[in-house]
Amino acid sequence: MEKNEKFEKKIQKLEKIVDELENGEIDLDDSITKYYEAVKLVKECDDKLKNIEEKVVKMVDSNDKKTDFEIVD
C-alpha cells in the first residue's frame, strides 16, 4: 500500500475489504489478512483527517476567528 495514496482511494479500498468480509466467501486466513489491511487503512485515514483538522484549526486561529466547529446536518 502506497504511503502517499490519496485519501479517497484508501476509503475505496476499505469499502471493498468490508464488502468482502461481509460477503463471507473468503477463507479464514484471507479474512484475517484483509482485516489487518482494513485496520491499517482506518488508521491511515484517521491520521490524515486529524492532520487536516489541525491545519484548518491553525488557519482559523491565524485569522482570529472562532475555532469551535459545529457539525451541521
PDB file of N, CA and C in Angstrom:
ATOM      1  N   MET A   1       0.848  -1.177   0.000  1.00  0.00           N
ATOM      2  CA  MET A   1       0.000   0.000   0.000  1.00  0.00           C
ATOM      3  C   MET A   1       0.894   1.242   0.000  1.00  0.00           C
ATOM      4  N   GLU A   2       0.642   2.105  -0.931  1.00  0.00           N
ATOM      5  CA  GLU A   2       1.464   3.295  -1.091  1.00  0.00           C
ATOM      6  C   GLU A   2       1.179   4.302   0.014  1.00  0.00           C
ATOM      7  N   LYS A   3       2.244   4.851   0.600  1.00  0.00           N
ATOM      8  CA  LYS A   3       2.102   5.777   1.735  1.00  0.00           C
ATOM      9  C   LYS A   3       1.378   7.058   1.345  1.00  0.00           C
ATOM     10  N   ASN A   4       1.651   7.585   0.152  1.00  0.00           N
ATOM     11  CA  ASN A   4       1.063   8.856  -0.270  1.00  0.00           C
ATOM     12  C   ASN A   4      -0.204   8.674  -1.097  1.00  0.00           C
ATOM     13  N   GLU A   5      -0.787   7.513  -0.987  1.00  0.00           N
ATOM     14  CA  GLU A   5      -2.014   7.236  -1.717  1.00  0.00           C
ATOM     15  C   GLU A   5      -3.119   8.194  -1.267  1.00  0.00           C
ATOM     16  N   LYS A   6      -3.927   8.628  -2.180  1.00  0.00           N
ATOM     17  CA  LYS A   6      -4.988   9.582  -1.862  1.00  0.00           C
ATOM     18  C   LYS A   6      -6.001   8.995  -0.883  1.00  0.00           C
ATOM     19  N   PHE A   7      -6.520   9.881  -0.042  1.00  0.00           N
ATOM     20  CA  PHE A   7      -7.500   9.512   0.978  1.00  0.00           C
ATOM     21  C   PHE A   7      -8.686   8.764   0.357  1.00  0.00           C
ATOM     22  N   GLU A   8      -9.209   9.297  -0.736  1.00  0.00           N
ATOM     23  CA  GLU A   8     -10.385   8.712  -1.370  1.00  0.00           C
ATOM     24  C   GLU A   8     -10.108   7.285  -1.842  1.00  0.00           C
ATOM     25  N   LYS A   9      -8.897   7.050  -2.348  1.00  0.00           N
ATOM     26  CA  LYS A   9      -8.522   5.715  -2.819  1.00  0.00           C
ATOM     27  C   LYS A   9      -8.458   4.738  -1.646  1.00  0.00           C
ATOM     28  N   LYS A  10      -7.955   5.221  -0.506  1.00  0.00           N
ATOM     29  CA  LYS A  10      -7.902   4.371   0.688  1.00  0.00           C
ATOM     30  C   LYS A  10      -9.303   4.018   1.168  1.00  0.00           C
ATOM     31  N   ILE A  11     -10.193   4.991   1.124  1.00  0.00           N
ATOM     32  CA  ILE A  11     -11.587   4.732   1.534  1.00  0.00           C
ATOM     33  C   ILE A  11     -12.222   3.697   0.605  1.00  0.00           C
ATOM     34  N   GLN A  12     -11.968   3.808  -0.692  1.00  0.00           N
ATOM     35  CA  GLN A  12     -12.499   2.828  -1.646  1.00  0.00           C
ATOM     36  C   GLN A  12     -11.981   1.423  -1.338  1.00  0.00           C
ATOM     37  N   LYS A  13     -10.682   1.317  -1.048  1.00  0.00           N
ATOM     38  CA  LYS A  13     -10.106   0.021  -0.700  1.00  0.00           C
ATOM     39  C   LYS A  13     -10.736  -0.527   0.578  1.00  0.00           C
ATOM     40  N   LEU A  14     -10.935   0.363   1.560  1.00  0.00           N
ATOM     41  CA  LEU A  14     -11.549  -0.044   2.821  1.00  0.00           C
ATOM     42  C   LEU A  14     -12.969  -0.553   2.591  1.00  0.00           C
ATOM     43  N   GLU A  15     -13.737   0.144   1.771  1.00  0.00           N
ATOM     44  CA  GLU A  15     -15.101  -0.286   1.471  1.00  0.00           C
ATOM     45  C   GLU A  15     -15.114  -1.648   0.778  1.00  0.00           C
ATOM     46  N   LYS A  16     -14.165  -1.855  -0.120  1.00  0.00           N
ATOM     47  CA  LYS A  16     -14.074  -3.141  -0.824  1.00  0.00           C
ATOM     48  C   LYS A  16     -13.765  -4.268   0.160  1.00  0.00           C
ATOM     49  N   ILE A  17     -12.839  -4.020   1.068  1.00  0.00           N
ATOM     50  CA  ILE A  17     -12.484  -5.037   2.064  1.00  0.00           C
ATOM     51  C   ILE A  17     -13.679  -5.364   2.946  1.00  0.00           C
ATOM     52  N   VAL A  18     -14.391  -4.332   3.386  1.00  0.00           N
ATOM     53  CA  VAL A  18     -15.572  -4.554   4.233  1.00  0.00           C
ATOM     54  C   VAL A  18     -16.603  -5.389   3.481  1.00  0.00           C
ATOM     55  N   ASP A  19     -16.826  -5.075   2.211  1.00  0.00           N
ATOM     56  CA  ASP A  19     -17.768  -5.867   1.408  1.00  0.00           C
ATOM     57  C   ASP A  19     -17.334  -7.327   1.325  1.00  0.00           C
ATOM     58  N   GLU A  20     -16.030  -7.546   1.094  1.00  0.00           N
ATOM     59  CA  GLU A  20     -15.513  -8.909   1.005  1.00  0.00           C
ATOM     60  C   GLU A  20     -15.682  -9.659   2.319  1.00  0.00           C
ATOM     61  N   LEU A  21     -15.408  -8.980   3.425  1.00  0.00           N
ATOM     62  CA  LEU A  21     -15.543  -9.626   4.735  1.00  0.00           C
ATOM     63  C   LEU A  21     -17.010  -9.917   5.057  1.00  0.00           C
ATOM     64  N   GLU A  22     -17.883  -8.980   4.723  1.00  0.00           N
ATOM     65  CA  GLU A  22     -19.319  -9.186   4.989  1.00  0.00           C
ATOM     66  C   GLU A  22     -19.897 -10.288   4.113  1.00  0.00           C
ATOM     67  N   ASN A  23     -19.363 -10.408   2.908  1.00  0.00           N
ATOM     68  CA  ASN A  23     -19.839 -11.410   1.966  1.00  0.00           C
ATOM     69  C   ASN A  23     -19.604 -12.815   2.489  1.00  0.00           C
ATOM     70  N   GLY A  24     -18.484 -13.003   3.201  1.00  0.00           N
ATOM     71  CA  GLY A  24     -18.200 -14.287   3.821  1.00  0.00           C
ATOM     72  C   GLY A  24     -17.734 -15.374   2.885  1.00  0.00           C
ATOM     73  N   GLU A  25     -17.347 -15.023   1.678  1.00  0.00           N
ATOM     74  CA  GLU A  25     -16.933 -16.032   0.710  1.00  0.00           C
ATOM     75  C   GLU A  25     -15.419 -16.222   0.645  1.00  0.00           C
ATOM     76  N   ILE A  26     -14.681 -15.598   1.567  1.00  0.00           N
ATOM     77  CA  ILE A  26     -13.237 -15.801   1.596  1.00  0.00           C
ATOM     78  C   ILE A  26     -12.884 -16.635   2.820  1.00  0.00           C
ATOM     79  N   ASP A  27     -11.783 -17.381   2.703  1.00  0.00           N
ATOM     80  CA  ASP A  27     -11.418 -18.273   3.802  1.00  0.00           C
ATOM     81  C   ASP A  27     -10.878 -17.491   5.004  1.00  0.00           C
ATOM     82  N   LEU A  28     -10.685 -18.194   6.103  1.00  0.00           N
ATOM     83  CA  LEU A  28     -10.292 -17.578   7.365  1.00  0.00           C
ATOM     84  C   LEU A  28      -8.957 -16.848   7.255  1.00  0.00           C
ATOM     85  N   ASP A  29      -7.967 -17.477   6.627  1.00  0.00           N
ATOM     86  CA  ASP A  29      -6.652 -16.834   6.503  1.00  0.00           C
ATOM     87  C   ASP A  29      -6.739 -15.524   5.721  1.00  0.00           C
ATOM     88  N   ASP A  30      -7.467 -15.553   4.605  1.00  0.00           N
ATOM     89  CA  ASP A  30      -7.640 -14.332   3.821  1.00  0.00           C
ATOM     90  C   ASP A  30      -8.435 -13.283   4.602  1.00  0.00           C
ATOM     91  N   SER A  31      -9.402 -13.737   5.375  1.00  0.00           N
ATOM     92  CA  SER A  31     -10.198 -12.818   6.193  1.00  0.00           C
ATOM     93  C   SER A  31      -9.325 -12.088   7.201  1.00  0.00           C
ATOM     94  N   ILE A  32      -8.423 -12.811   7.825  1.00  0.00           N
ATOM     95  CA  ILE A  32      -7.528 -12.207   8.814  1.00  0.00           C
ATOM     96  C   ILE A  32      -6.606 -11.206   8.139  1.00  0.00           C
ATOM     97  N   THR A  33      -6.055 -11.578   6.983  1.00  0.00           N
ATOM     98  CA  THR A  33      -5.186 -10.672   6.228  1.00  0.00           C
ATOM     99  C   THR A  33      -5.947  -9.411   5.838  1.00  0.00           C
ATOM    100  N   LYS A  34      -7.159  -9.573   5.340  1.00  0.00           N
ATOM    101  CA  LYS A  34      -7.991  -8.428   4.939  1.00  0.00           C
ATOM    102  C   LYS A  34      -8.326  -7.557   6.146  1.00  0.00           C
ATOM    103  N   TYR A  35      -8.604  -8.198   7.277  1.00  0.00           N
ATOM    104  CA  TYR A  35      -8.933  -7.451   8.487  1.00  0.00           C
ATOM    105  C   TYR A  35      -7.772  -6.545   8.890  1.00  0.00           C
ATOM    106  N   TYR A  36      -6.554  -7.099   8.899  1.00  0.00           N
ATOM    107  CA  TYR A  36      -5.387  -6.294   9.278  1.00  0.00           C
ATOM    108  C   TYR A  36      -5.125  -5.173   8.268  1.00  0.00           C
ATOM    109  N   GLU A  37      -5.371  -5.448   7.000  1.00  0.00           N
ATOM    110  CA  GLU A  37      -5.238  -4.406   5.981  1.00  0.00           C
ATOM    111  C   GLU A  37      -6.261  -3.295   6.231  1.00  0.00           C
ATOM    112  N   ALA A  38      -7.479  -3.676   6.595  1.00  0.00           N
ATOM    113  CA  ALA A  38      -8.525  -2.697   6.882  1.00  0.00           C
ATOM    114  C   ALA A  38      -8.171  -1.855   8.099  1.00  0.00           C
ATOM    115  N   VAL A  39      -7.635  -2.480   9.137  1.00  0.00           N
ATOM    116  CA  VAL A  39      -7.229  -1.746  10.343  1.00  0.00           C
ATOM    117  C   VAL A  39      -6.159  -0.719   9.989  1.00  0.00           C
ATOM    118  N   LYS A  40      -5.212  -1.116   9.157  1.00  0.00           N
ATOM    119  CA  LYS A  40      -4.149  -0.195   8.735  1.00  0.00           C
ATOM    120  C   LYS A  40      -4.736   0.981   7.941  1.00  0.00           C
ATOM    121  N   LEU A  41      -5.660   0.696   7.046  1.00  0.00           N
ATOM    122  CA  LEU A  41      -6.304   1.750   6.263  1.00  0.00           C
ATOM    123  C   LEU A  41      -7.081   2.715   7.155  1.00  0.00           C
ATOM    124  N   VAL A  42      -7.792   2.177   8.133  1.00  0.00           N
ATOM    125  CA  VAL A  42      -8.551   3.028   9.052  1.00  0.00           C
ATOM    126  C   VAL A  42      -7.615   3.964   9.804  1.00  0.00           C
ATOM    127  N   LYS A  43      -6.492   3.439  10.273  1.00  0.00           N
ATOM    128  CA  LYS A  43      -5.531   4.267  10.995  1.00  0.00           C
ATOM    129  C   LYS A  43      -4.961   5.353  10.096  1.00  0.00           C
ATOM    130  N   GLU A  44      -4.590   4.999   8.870  1.00  0.00           N
ATOM    131  CA  GLU A  44      -4.040   5.982   7.935  1.00  0.00           C
ATOM    132  C   GLU A  44      -5.058   7.073   7.619  1.00  0.00           C
ATOM    133  N   CYS A  45      -6.311   6.686   7.402  1.00  0.00           N
ATOM    134  CA  CYS A  45      -7.359   7.666   7.113  1.00  0.00           C
ATOM    135  C   CYS A  45      -7.622   8.563   8.320  1.00  0.00           C
ATOM    136  N   ASP A  46      -7.637   7.965   9.500  1.00  0.00           N
ATOM    137  CA  ASP A  46      -7.846   8.741  10.723  1.00  0.00           C
ATOM    138  C   ASP A  46      -6.707   9.736  10.935  1.00  0.00           C
ATOM    139  N   ASP A  47      -5.479   9.292  10.712  1.00  0.00           N
ATOM    140  CA  ASP A  47      -4.324  10.189  10.839  1.00  0.00           C
ATOM    141  C   ASP A  47      -4.427  11.346   9.854  1.00  0.00           C
ATOM    142  N   LYS A  48      -4.832  11.041   8.632  1.00  0.00           N
ATOM    143  CA  LYS A  48      -4.977  12.086   7.607  1.00  0.00           C
ATOM    144  C   LYS A  48      -6.038  13.102   8.023  1.00  0.00           C
ATOM    145  N   LEU A  49      -7.168  12.628   8.507  1.00  0.00           N
ATOM    146  CA  LEU A  49      -8.236  13.530   8.937  1.00  0.00           C
ATOM    147  C   LEU A  49      -7.794  14.407  10.108  1.00  0.00           C
ATOM    148  N   LYS A  50      -7.064  13.823  11.052  1.00  0.00           N
ATOM    149  CA  LYS A  50      -6.563  14.606  12.187  1.00  0.00           C
ATOM    150  C   LYS A  50      -5.587  15.673  11.714  1.00  0.00           C
ATOM    151  N   ASN A  51      -4.736  15.322  10.761  1.00  0.00           N
ATOM    152  CA  ASN A  51      -3.779  16.271  10.205  1.00  0.00           C
ATOM    153  C   ASN A  51      -4.500  17.428   9.522  1.00  0.00           C
ATOM    154  N   ILE A  52      -5.514  17.118   8.764  1.00  0.00           N
ATOM    155  CA  ILE A  52      -6.293  18.153   8.075  1.00  0.00           C
ATOM    156  C   ILE A  52      -7.006  19.035   9.090  1.00  0.00           C
ATOM    157  N   GLU A  53      -7.562  18.423  10.131  1.00  0.00           N
ATOM    158  CA  GLU A  53      -8.248  19.196  11.168  1.00  0.00           C
ATOM    159  C   GLU A  53      -7.281  20.177  11.833  1.00  0.00           C
ATOM    160  N   GLU A  54      -6.074  19.727  12.128  1.00  0.00           N
ATOM    161  CA  GLU A  54      -5.076  20.606  12.739  1.00  0.00           C
ATOM    162  C   GLU A  54      -4.755  21.787  11.831  1.00  0.00           C
ATOM    163  N   LYS A  55      -4.629  21.527  10.540  1.00  0.00           N
ATOM    164  CA  LYS A  55      -4.344  22.600   9.584  1.00  0.00           C
ATOM    165  C   LYS A  55      -5.487  23.614   9.532  1.00  0.00           C
ATOM    166  N   VAL A  56      -6.705  23.119   9.541  1.00  0.00           N
ATOM    167  CA  VAL A  56      -7.865  24.006   9.496  1.00  0.00           C
ATOM    168  C   VAL A  56      -7.927  24.865  10.760  1.00  0.00           C
ATOM    169  N   VAL A  57      -7.702  24.254  11.904  1.00  0.00           N
ATOM    170  CA  VAL A  57      -7.720  24.994  13.163  1.00  0.00           C
ATOM    171  C   VAL A  57      -6.647  26.077  13.150  1.00  0.00           C
ATOM    172  N   LYS A  58      -5.454  25.758  12.659  1.00  0.00           N
ATOM    173  CA  LYS A  58      -4.383  26.752  12.575  1.00  0.00           C
ATOM    174  C   LYS A  58      -4.764  27.895  11.650  1.00  0.00           C
ATOM    175  N   MET A  59      -5.392  27.565  10.528  1.00  0.00           N
ATOM    176  CA  MET A  59      -5.818  28.608   9.587  1.00  0.00           C
ATOM    177  C   MET A  59      -6.846  29.520  10.238  1.00  0.00           C
ATOM    178  N   VAL A  60      -7.798  28.929  10.927  1.00  0.00           N
ATOM    179  CA  VAL A  60      -8.846  29.711  11.577  1.00  0.00           C
ATOM    180  C   VAL A  60      -8.237  30.558  12.690  1.00  0.00           C
ATOM    181  N   ASP A  61      -7.352  29.959  13.484  1.00  0.00           N
ATOM    182  CA  ASP A  61      -6.686  30.701  14.560  1.00  0.00           C
ATOM    183  C   ASP A  61      -5.890  31.878  14.011  1.00  0.00           C
ATOM    184  N   SER A  62      -5.234  31.663  12.900  1.00  0.00           N
ATOM    185  CA  SER A  62      -4.414  32.736  12.330  1.00  0.00           C
ATOM    186  C   SER A  62      -5.267  33.891  11.813  1.00  0.00           C
ATOM    187  N   ASN A  63      -6.526  33.632  11.593  1.00  0.00           N
ATOM    188  CA  ASN A  63      -7.446  34.678  11.135  1.00  0.00           C
ATOM    189  C   ASN A  63      -8.272  35.254  12.276  1.00  0.00           C
ATOM    190  N   ASP A  64      -7.900  34.903  13.518  1.00  0.00           N
ATOM    191  CA  ASP A  64      -8.610  35.381  14.714  1.00  0.00           C
ATOM    192  C   ASP A  64     -10.105  35.097  14.666  1.00  0.00           C
ATOM    193  N   LYS A  65     -10.442  33.921  14.197  1.00  0.00           N
ATOM    194  CA  LYS A  65     -11.845  33.516  14.168  1.00  0.00           C
ATOM    195  C   LYS A  65     -12.071  32.440  15.207  1.00  0.00           C
ATOM    196  N   LYS A  66     -13.314  32.195  15.500  1.00  0.00           N
ATOM    197  CA  LYS A  66     -13.699  31.172  16.466  1.00  0.00           C
ATOM    198  C   LYS A  66     -13.236  29.804  15.978  1.00  0.00           C
ATOM    199  N   THR A  67     -12.635  28.998  16.879  1.00  0.00           N
ATOM    200  CA  THR A  67     -12.118  27.685  16.491  1.00  0.00           C
ATOM    201  C   THR A  67     -13.042  26.537  16.852  1.00  0.00           C
ATOM    202  N   ASP A  68     -14.147  26.794  17.522  1.00  0.00           N
ATOM    203  CA  ASP A  68     -15.096  25.735  17.835  1.00  0.00           C
ATOM    204  C   ASP A  68     -15.940  25.484  16.592  1.00  0.00           C
ATOM    205  N   PHE A  69     -15.902  24.245  16.116  1.00  0.00           N
ATOM    206  CA  PHE A  69     -16.645  23.914  14.922  1.00  0.00           C
ATOM    207  C   PHE A  69     -17.942  23.207  15.297  1.00  0.00           C
ATOM    208  N   GLU A  70     -18.982  23.546  14.585  1.00  0.00           N
ATOM    209  CA  GLU A  70     -20.259  22.859  14.759  1.00  0.00           C
ATOM    210  C   GLU A  70     -20.460  21.952  13.577  1.00  0.00           C
ATOM    211  N   ILE A  71     -20.974  20.785  13.840  1.00  0.00           N
ATOM    212  CA  ILE A  71     -21.318  19.871  12.760  1.00  0.00           C
ATOM    213  C   ILE A  71     -22.763  20.160  12.382  1.00  0.00           C
ATOM    214  N   VAL A  72     -22.954  20.483  11.124  1.00  0.00           N
ATOM    215  CA  VAL A  72     -24.288  20.816  10.639  1.00  0.00           C
ATOM    216  C   VAL A  72     -24.783  19.648   9.820  1.00  0.00           C
ATOM    217  N   ASP A  73     -25.983  19.171  10.154  1.00  0.00           N
ATOM    218  CA  ASP A  73     -26.563  18.043   9.400  1.00  0.00           C
ATOM    219  C   ASP A  73     -27.099  18.511   8.081  1.00  0.00           C
TER     220      ASP A  73
END
